C-alpha cells in the first residue's frame, strides 16, 4: 500500500509498504509525479519485476569506473590493466557526470559517432578521428562496466545500454611488410644504438614472431639454448606455448644471456634500471624505438609489424598453417590469415615454377 504525504520542504514523499518487499521511499516535487511513481512501482511489485533503481540513479559513471578500476581491472593481465586506464579516462570525460540510470543507447551511439568523427587534437588543433577498433574497445569496457553493475553490484539497472548499440566495423587490419632496403636501414640503426638490448629485441622479433611483451618479460629459465626453444608462460591469449628458435635467434639469446653487463640481481633477459623500490623491471624500449624508426624514415612502422613480417615469412618458407600457429600462438586460422600477407611477387615466382614444371611434363 502506498502512502503519499507532504514534507516540510514543500515536496511530496511516496512510501510503499508491501509484504515481501523492502520499504521503498522516493521524494518528488509534484504530488502527481509521486502518485504515478507509486502506482507504477506497486504494479512492478505485483508482477515480480520491480528493482530498486535508487543506487543506479545516485551512482555516477565516474564513480562506477573508479570502482571498476579498483576491483575488476587488477584481476586482468598487466598489459590489459595498462590499456584500460586511458580508455577509462575517455569514458569518464564523456559520461562521468551522468548517473548509470541516465545512460541510454542513444547517448552511447552519440559517443561512438563523436569518437569516430574525432575530437580536436590539442597539439595539431585538427580533428583527429579515432580508429574503429579503438572505439570498439572503449565500448567493450563501458559494456562490461554495466554488466558488473547489473550482475554483481546490484545497482538496480534494468538493462545494459551498450549491448544493442551497433559497434564499428573492426576493419581489414594492417598490411605492413618490410621492404629489403627498409629492413637493412632499420637493422643498421638498432645495431648502432647504445644499449645492445635494442638490437637483440628487434632482431628476435623478426626471427621468432613473438610480441614485444612476450620478449621483454622473458626470464632466463624460460630460454633453453640446448633444445633451442623459448617457453612462454603468459601470452596475450592466456595460453602457454613453446617457440622454436632459429640458429640466428639462438645466437642472439646466447649473446644476451652471456653479456658482461648483465647484473646478478634480476632473472629478466631484458631488464631496465632499478626503480625507486630497488627492483628491476622489463626493459622499456618504446621511446628508443620511436626515435630509431623516425631516424631511418620509417615513422609508419609499428613494432607489431615485425610480428606480421616474421609470421608471413614462416608461411613463405613453406610451413603449414598448423606449424605457423604453433609458433605464433594464434588459436584460429581466421586470425592467422590476417598476418600472412604474402608478397605478390613471391606468389608470381611460385606460379612460374608450377607453369615451368607443367610445360616440361607436356614436352
Protein backbone atom coordinates (compact mmCIF):
# COMPACT_ATOMS: atom_id res chain seq x y z
CA UNK A 1 0.00 0.00 0.00
CA UNK A 2 1.38 3.39 -1.00
CA UNK A 3 1.23 6.49 1.17
CA UNK A 4 1.67 9.98 -0.29
CA UNK A 5 2.38 12.81 2.13
CA UNK A 6 3.66 16.36 2.00
CA UNK A 7 7.00 17.29 3.54
CA UNK A 8 8.03 20.49 5.34
CA UNK A 9 10.23 21.37 2.35
CA UNK A 10 7.15 21.56 0.12
CA UNK A 11 7.82 18.29 -1.71
CA UNK A 12 5.82 15.05 -1.79
CA UNK A 13 7.10 11.76 -0.39
CA UNK A 14 5.79 8.42 -1.65
CA UNK A 15 6.20 5.46 0.73
CA UNK A 16 5.36 1.91 -0.33
CA UNK A 17 5.00 -0.88 2.24
CA UNK A 18 4.28 -4.28 0.78
CA UNK A 19 4.75 -7.77 2.18
CA UNK A 20 7.82 -9.47 0.75
CA UNK A 21 9.46 -6.22 -0.39
CA UNK A 22 11.64 -3.70 1.45
CA UNK A 23 10.09 -0.33 2.31
CA UNK A 24 10.53 1.85 -0.74
CA UNK A 25 10.63 5.65 -0.50
CA UNK A 26 11.06 8.40 -3.08
CA UNK A 27 10.52 12.17 -2.99
CA UNK A 28 9.03 14.28 -5.79
CA UNK A 29 8.36 17.94 -6.42
CA UNK A 30 4.77 17.32 -7.57
CA UNK A 31 2.13 15.13 -5.93
CA UNK A 32 1.08 13.86 -9.35
CA UNK A 33 4.59 12.53 -10.01
CA UNK A 34 4.66 10.82 -6.61
CA UNK A 35 1.28 9.17 -7.27
CA UNK A 36 2.32 7.97 -10.75
CA UNK A 37 5.57 6.54 -9.44
CA UNK A 38 3.84 4.74 -6.55
CA UNK A 39 1.24 3.21 -8.90
CA UNK A 40 3.90 2.10 -11.39
CA UNK A 41 6.17 0.67 -8.67
CA UNK A 42 3.35 -1.28 -6.99
CA UNK A 43 2.41 -2.73 -10.36
CA UNK A 44 6.01 -3.92 -10.90
CA UNK A 45 6.00 -5.49 -7.42
CA UNK A 46 2.80 -7.38 -8.17
CA UNK A 47 4.27 -8.73 -11.40
CA UNK A 48 7.61 -9.52 -9.75
CA UNK A 49 9.63 -7.20 -11.98
CA UNK A 50 10.45 -4.44 -9.51
CA UNK A 51 14.01 -3.44 -8.78
CA UNK A 52 15.32 -0.61 -6.65
CA UNK A 53 16.70 1.97 -9.06
CA UNK A 54 17.92 4.34 -6.37
CA UNK A 55 21.55 3.11 -6.39
CA UNK A 56 21.84 3.45 -10.17
CA UNK A 57 20.33 6.93 -10.03
CA UNK A 58 22.75 8.04 -7.30
CA UNK A 59 25.88 6.42 -8.74
CA UNK A 60 27.66 8.35 -11.49
CA UNK A 61 29.55 6.69 -14.29
CA UNK A 62 32.75 8.30 -12.96
CA UNK A 63 32.26 6.67 -9.54
CA UNK A 64 31.39 3.32 -11.11
CA UNK A 65 34.52 3.44 -13.29
CA UNK A 66 36.67 4.21 -10.25
CA UNK A 67 35.21 1.16 -8.52
CA UNK A 68 35.76 -0.94 -11.65
CA UNK A 69 39.41 0.08 -11.88
CA UNK A 70 39.94 -0.81 -8.20
CA UNK A 71 38.01 -4.08 -8.08
CA UNK A 72 37.90 -5.58 -11.59
CA UNK A 73 40.92 -4.28 -13.52
CA UNK A 74 43.54 -5.67 -11.07
CA UNK A 75 42.30 -9.22 -11.84
CA UNK A 76 43.26 -8.80 -15.51
CA UNK A 77 46.64 -9.25 -17.17
CA UNK A 78 49.18 -6.42 -16.64
CA UNK A 79 49.08 -5.41 -20.31
CA UNK A 80 45.28 -5.10 -20.14
CA UNK A 81 45.49 -3.07 -16.93
CA UNK A 82 47.76 -0.55 -18.64
CA UNK A 83 45.47 -0.07 -21.64
CA UNK A 84 42.28 0.18 -19.58
CA UNK A 85 43.45 3.26 -17.69
CA UNK A 86 43.45 5.63 -20.71
CA UNK A 87 40.19 4.11 -22.01
CA UNK A 88 38.56 4.73 -18.64
CA UNK A 89 39.69 8.37 -18.75
CA UNK A 90 37.99 8.82 -22.14
CA UNK A 91 34.75 7.34 -20.79
CA UNK A 92 34.91 9.41 -17.62
CA UNK A 93 35.34 12.60 -19.61
CA UNK A 94 32.29 11.87 -21.75
CA UNK A 95 29.91 10.03 -19.37
CA UNK A 96 31.35 10.90 -15.95
CA UNK A 97 28.67 13.35 -14.84
CA UNK A 98 25.78 11.06 -15.86
CA UNK A 99 24.23 8.62 -13.44
CA UNK A 100 24.24 4.98 -14.54
CA UNK A 101 20.46 5.13 -14.92
CA UNK A 102 20.73 8.16 -17.22
CA UNK A 103 22.96 6.45 -19.81
CA UNK A 104 20.81 5.44 -22.77
CA UNK A 105 21.54 3.63 -26.05
CA UNK A 106 21.09 6.97 -27.84
CA UNK A 107 23.80 8.56 -25.68
CA UNK A 108 26.15 5.63 -26.26
CA UNK A 109 25.56 5.82 -30.02
CA UNK A 110 26.37 9.55 -29.95
CA UNK A 111 29.61 8.81 -28.09
CA UNK A 112 30.51 6.23 -30.77
CA UNK A 113 29.83 8.68 -33.61
CA UNK A 114 31.70 11.54 -31.89
CA UNK A 115 34.76 9.37 -31.34
CA UNK A 116 34.77 8.11 -34.93
CA UNK A 117 34.41 11.67 -36.23
CA UNK A 118 37.31 12.74 -34.00
CA UNK A 119 37.80 15.48 -31.47
CA UNK A 120 40.12 18.45 -31.67
CA UNK A 121 43.74 17.42 -31.12
CA UNK A 122 45.32 19.70 -28.52
CA UNK A 123 48.69 19.70 -30.33
CA UNK A 124 47.77 19.97 -34.03
CA UNK A 125 44.42 21.76 -33.45
CA UNK A 126 42.93 19.50 -36.12
CA UNK A 127 40.14 16.94 -35.84
CA UNK A 128 41.63 13.50 -35.25
CA UNK A 129 39.26 10.59 -35.99
CA UNK A 130 39.71 7.55 -33.78
CA UNK A 131 40.23 4.12 -35.33
CA UNK A 132 37.16 1.84 -35.33
CA UNK A 133 38.94 -0.74 -33.19
CA UNK A 134 39.83 1.92 -30.60
CA UNK A 135 36.16 2.83 -30.27
CA UNK A 136 35.18 -0.85 -30.14
CA UNK A 137 37.50 -1.41 -27.17
CA UNK A 138 36.17 1.68 -25.38
CA UNK A 139 32.59 0.44 -25.87
CA UNK A 140 33.62 -3.01 -24.65
CA UNK A 141 34.93 -1.51 -21.40
CA UNK A 142 31.74 0.53 -20.92
CA UNK A 143 29.60 -2.54 -21.62
CA UNK A 144 31.48 -4.66 -19.09
CA UNK A 145 31.08 -1.88 -16.52
CA UNK A 146 27.28 -2.10 -16.89
CA UNK A 147 27.43 -5.90 -16.81
CA UNK A 148 29.25 -5.78 -13.48
CA UNK A 149 26.79 -3.18 -12.12
CA UNK A 150 23.86 -5.46 -13.04
CA UNK A 151 25.20 -8.90 -12.14
CA UNK A 152 27.47 -8.30 -9.15
CA UNK A 153 27.00 -4.82 -7.71
CA UNK A 154 23.19 -4.85 -7.60
CA UNK A 155 22.82 -1.19 -8.55
CA UNK A 156 19.29 -1.58 -9.89
CA UNK A 157 19.78 -1.38 -13.64
CA UNK A 158 17.18 -2.99 -15.90
CA UNK A 159 19.47 -3.49 -18.90
CA UNK A 160 22.87 -2.79 -20.44
CA UNK A 161 22.52 0.29 -22.71
CA UNK A 162 25.65 -0.64 -24.69
CA UNK A 163 24.53 -4.13 -25.62
CA UNK A 164 22.29 -3.29 -28.57
CA UNK A 165 24.31 -0.36 -29.91
CA UNK A 166 25.93 -1.04 -33.27
CA UNK A 167 29.71 -1.44 -32.94
CA UNK A 168 32.14 -0.03 -35.52
CA UNK A 169 33.49 -2.46 -38.07
CA UNK A 170 36.90 -3.78 -36.99
CA UNK A 171 38.35 -3.10 -40.44
CA UNK A 172 40.57 -5.31 -42.54
CA UNK A 173 43.66 -4.99 -40.33
CA UNK A 174 47.13 -3.63 -41.08
CA UNK A 175 49.09 -4.88 -44.06
CA UNK A 176 52.61 -3.53 -43.50
CA UNK A 177 55.55 -5.55 -44.74
CA UNK A 178 59.22 -4.61 -44.54
CA UNK A 179 60.94 -3.95 -47.84
CA UNK A 180 64.56 -5.26 -48.03
CA UNK A 181 66.06 -1.75 -48.01
CA UNK A 182 63.83 -0.75 -45.05
CA UNK A 183 64.93 -3.78 -43.08
CA UNK A 184 68.58 -3.04 -43.83
CA UNK A 185 68.26 0.57 -42.62
CA UNK A 186 66.38 -0.49 -39.50
CA UNK A 187 68.87 -3.19 -38.50
CA UNK A 188 71.83 -0.86 -39.02
CA UNK A 189 70.17 1.70 -36.75
CA UNK A 190 69.37 -0.77 -33.95
CA UNK A 191 72.88 -2.26 -34.17
CA UNK A 192 74.35 1.21 -33.62
CA UNK A 193 72.10 2.03 -30.66
CA UNK A 194 73.97 2.47 -27.38
CA UNK A 195 72.00 -0.19 -25.48
CA UNK A 196 72.56 -3.62 -27.06
CA UNK A 197 69.18 -4.84 -25.78
CA UNK A 198 67.52 -2.79 -28.52
CA UNK A 199 69.37 -4.79 -31.15
CA UNK A 200 68.53 -8.14 -29.55
CA UNK A 201 64.83 -7.36 -29.12
CA UNK A 202 64.23 -6.15 -32.70
CA UNK A 203 66.15 -8.99 -34.30
CA UNK A 204 64.49 -11.62 -32.06
CA UNK A 205 61.08 -10.24 -33.01
CA UNK A 206 61.90 -10.70 -36.69
CA UNK A 207 63.23 -14.21 -36.12
CA UNK A 208 60.52 -15.58 -33.82
CA UNK A 209 57.33 -13.55 -34.36
CA UNK A 210 56.96 -13.03 -30.59
CA UNK A 211 55.08 -10.00 -29.29
CA UNK A 212 57.04 -7.21 -27.61
CA UNK A 213 55.54 -8.02 -24.19
CA UNK A 214 56.45 -11.69 -24.60
CA UNK A 215 60.06 -10.79 -25.38
CA UNK A 216 60.63 -8.20 -22.67
CA UNK A 217 59.02 -10.31 -19.91
CA UNK A 218 61.24 -13.34 -20.58
CA UNK A 219 63.20 -14.80 -17.70
CA UNK A 220 66.42 -16.77 -18.10
CA UNK A 221 64.80 -20.06 -17.05
CA UNK A 222 62.37 -19.79 -19.97
CA UNK A 223 65.18 -19.86 -22.55
CA UNK A 224 66.58 -23.32 -23.31
CA UNK A 225 69.58 -22.86 -25.59
CA UNK A 226 70.37 -26.59 -25.71
CA UNK A 227 66.93 -27.50 -27.06
CA UNK A 228 66.69 -24.18 -28.94
CA UNK A 229 63.27 -23.25 -27.58
CA UNK A 230 61.66 -20.48 -25.52
CA UNK A 231 58.77 -21.40 -23.22
CA UNK A 232 56.20 -18.62 -22.93
CA UNK A 233 54.00 -18.82 -19.84
CA UNK A 234 51.90 -15.64 -20.07
CA UNK A 235 50.71 -14.67 -23.52
CA UNK A 236 48.01 -12.42 -24.97
CA UNK A 237 45.51 -15.28 -25.35
CA UNK A 238 46.46 -16.71 -21.90
CA UNK A 239 47.71 -20.00 -23.40
CA UNK A 240 51.32 -21.02 -22.84
CA UNK A 241 53.35 -22.09 -25.84
CA UNK A 242 56.85 -23.14 -26.85
CA UNK A 243 58.60 -21.14 -29.55
CA UNK A 244 61.36 -22.84 -31.57
CA UNK A 245 64.48 -20.79 -32.20
CA UNK A 246 66.34 -20.44 -35.47
CA UNK A 247 70.13 -20.50 -35.42
CA UNK A 248 70.16 -16.70 -35.63
CA UNK A 249 67.68 -16.36 -32.74
CA UNK A 250 69.67 -18.84 -30.64
CA UNK A 251 72.84 -16.82 -31.22
CA UNK A 252 71.05 -13.60 -30.19
CA UNK A 253 69.76 -15.13 -26.95
CA UNK A 254 73.18 -16.59 -26.19
CA UNK A 255 74.76 -13.17 -26.68
CA UNK A 256 72.13 -11.52 -24.45
CA UNK A 257 72.45 -14.07 -21.64
CA UNK A 258 76.26 -14.06 -21.65
CA UNK A 259 76.76 -10.32 -21.98
CA UNK A 260 79.09 -8.90 -19.31
CA UNK A 261 76.73 -6.01 -18.43
CA UNK A 262 74.15 -8.46 -17.05
CA UNK A 263 73.55 -7.78 -13.31
CA UNK A 264 73.09 -10.61 -10.84
CA UNK A 265 70.03 -9.11 -9.14
CA UNK A 266 67.49 -9.99 -11.86
CA UNK A 267 66.30 -13.06 -13.74
CA UNK A 268 64.95 -10.99 -16.63
CA UNK A 269 66.64 -11.43 -20.00
CA UNK A 270 65.90 -7.83 -20.99
CA UNK A 271 65.99 -5.63 -17.90
CA UNK A 272 65.68 -1.96 -17.06
CA UNK A 273 67.32 0.18 -14.40
CA UNK A 274 66.24 -0.36 -10.76
CA UNK A 275 63.11 1.55 -9.72
CA UNK A 276 62.59 3.51 -6.53
CA UNK A 277 61.90 0.24 -4.73
CA UNK A 278 65.21 -1.20 -5.96
CA UNK A 279 63.55 -3.78 -8.25
CA UNK A 280 64.39 -4.18 -11.90
CA UNK A 281 61.52 -4.43 -14.37
CA UNK A 282 61.38 -5.31 -18.10
CA UNK A 283 63.30 -3.01 -20.42
CA UNK A 284 61.06 -0.19 -21.70
CA UNK A 285 62.26 0.47 -25.23
CA UNK A 286 59.32 2.35 -26.77
CA UNK A 287 60.93 5.81 -26.68
CA UNK A 288 64.12 4.49 -28.24
CA UNK A 289 62.10 2.59 -30.85
CA UNK A 290 60.21 5.74 -31.88
CA UNK A 291 63.47 7.68 -32.25
CA UNK A 292 65.18 4.93 -34.24
CA UNK A 293 62.39 4.33 -36.76
CA UNK A 294 61.99 8.09 -37.27
CA UNK A 295 65.72 8.45 -37.92
CA UNK A 296 65.57 5.92 -40.79
CA UNK A 297 62.35 7.25 -42.33
CA UNK A 298 60.01 4.52 -41.04
CA UNK A 299 57.59 6.51 -38.90
CA UNK A 300 54.64 4.43 -40.11
CA UNK A 301 56.24 1.17 -38.93
CA UNK A 302 54.82 -0.34 -35.73
CA UNK A 303 56.80 -2.76 -33.62
CA UNK A 304 53.94 -5.26 -34.01
CA UNK A 305 54.56 -5.14 -37.77
CA UNK A 306 57.73 -7.13 -37.10
CA UNK A 307 55.47 -9.96 -35.90
CA UNK A 308 53.46 -9.67 -39.12
CA UNK A 309 56.69 -9.88 -41.07
CA UNK A 310 58.01 -12.90 -39.18
CA UNK A 311 54.78 -14.90 -39.44
CA UNK A 312 54.44 -14.09 -43.14
CA UNK A 313 58.00 -15.32 -43.69
CA UNK A 314 57.15 -18.59 -41.94
CA UNK A 315 54.34 -19.11 -44.46
CA UNK A 316 56.52 -18.07 -47.40
CA UNK A 317 59.16 -20.52 -46.16
CA UNK A 318 56.73 -23.42 -46.62
CA UNK A 319 55.50 -24.04 -43.06
CA UNK A 320 51.93 -25.31 -42.80
CA UNK A 321 49.18 -23.30 -41.12
CA UNK A 322 49.27 -25.62 -38.10
CA UNK A 323 53.04 -25.24 -37.77
CA UNK A 324 52.84 -21.46 -38.04
CA UNK A 325 50.00 -21.31 -35.49
CA UNK A 326 52.01 -23.39 -33.01
CA UNK A 327 54.85 -20.83 -33.26
CA UNK A 328 52.76 -17.65 -33.30
CA UNK A 329 50.12 -18.79 -30.82
CA UNK A 330 47.07 -17.99 -32.96
CA UNK A 331 44.08 -20.07 -31.93
CA UNK A 332 42.11 -19.75 -35.16
CA UNK A 333 43.06 -19.91 -38.81
CA UNK A 334 40.98 -16.76 -39.41
CA UNK A 335 43.18 -14.74 -37.05
CA UNK A 336 46.31 -16.24 -38.56
CA UNK A 337 45.14 -15.22 -42.03
CA UNK A 338 45.45 -11.54 -41.05
CA UNK A 339 49.18 -11.99 -40.53
CA UNK A 340 50.02 -13.90 -43.69
CA UNK A 341 50.13 -11.02 -46.18
CA UNK A 342 52.13 -12.81 -48.86
CA UNK A 343 54.00 -10.63 -51.34
CA UNK A 344 52.54 -10.77 -54.82
CA UNK A 345 55.99 -11.16 -56.37
CA UNK A 346 56.60 -14.28 -54.25
CA UNK A 347 53.35 -15.79 -55.50
CA UNK A 348 54.33 -14.93 -59.07
CA UNK A 349 57.59 -16.88 -58.69
CA UNK A 350 55.69 -19.87 -57.33
CA UNK A 351 53.25 -19.75 -60.25
CA UNK A 352 56.19 -19.59 -62.67
CA UNK A 353 57.70 -22.71 -61.10
CA UNK A 354 54.36 -24.54 -61.39
CA UNK A 355 53.98 -23.44 -65.00
CA UNK A 356 57.55 -24.48 -65.83
CA UNK A 357 57.02 -27.93 -64.29
CA UNK A 358 53.77 -28.45 -66.22
CA UNK A 359 55.44 -27.43 -69.52
CA UNK A 360 58.26 -29.95 -69.03
CA UNK A 361 55.78 -32.74 -68.35
CA UNK A 362 53.87 -31.96 -71.57
CA UNK A 363 57.08 -31.96 -73.62
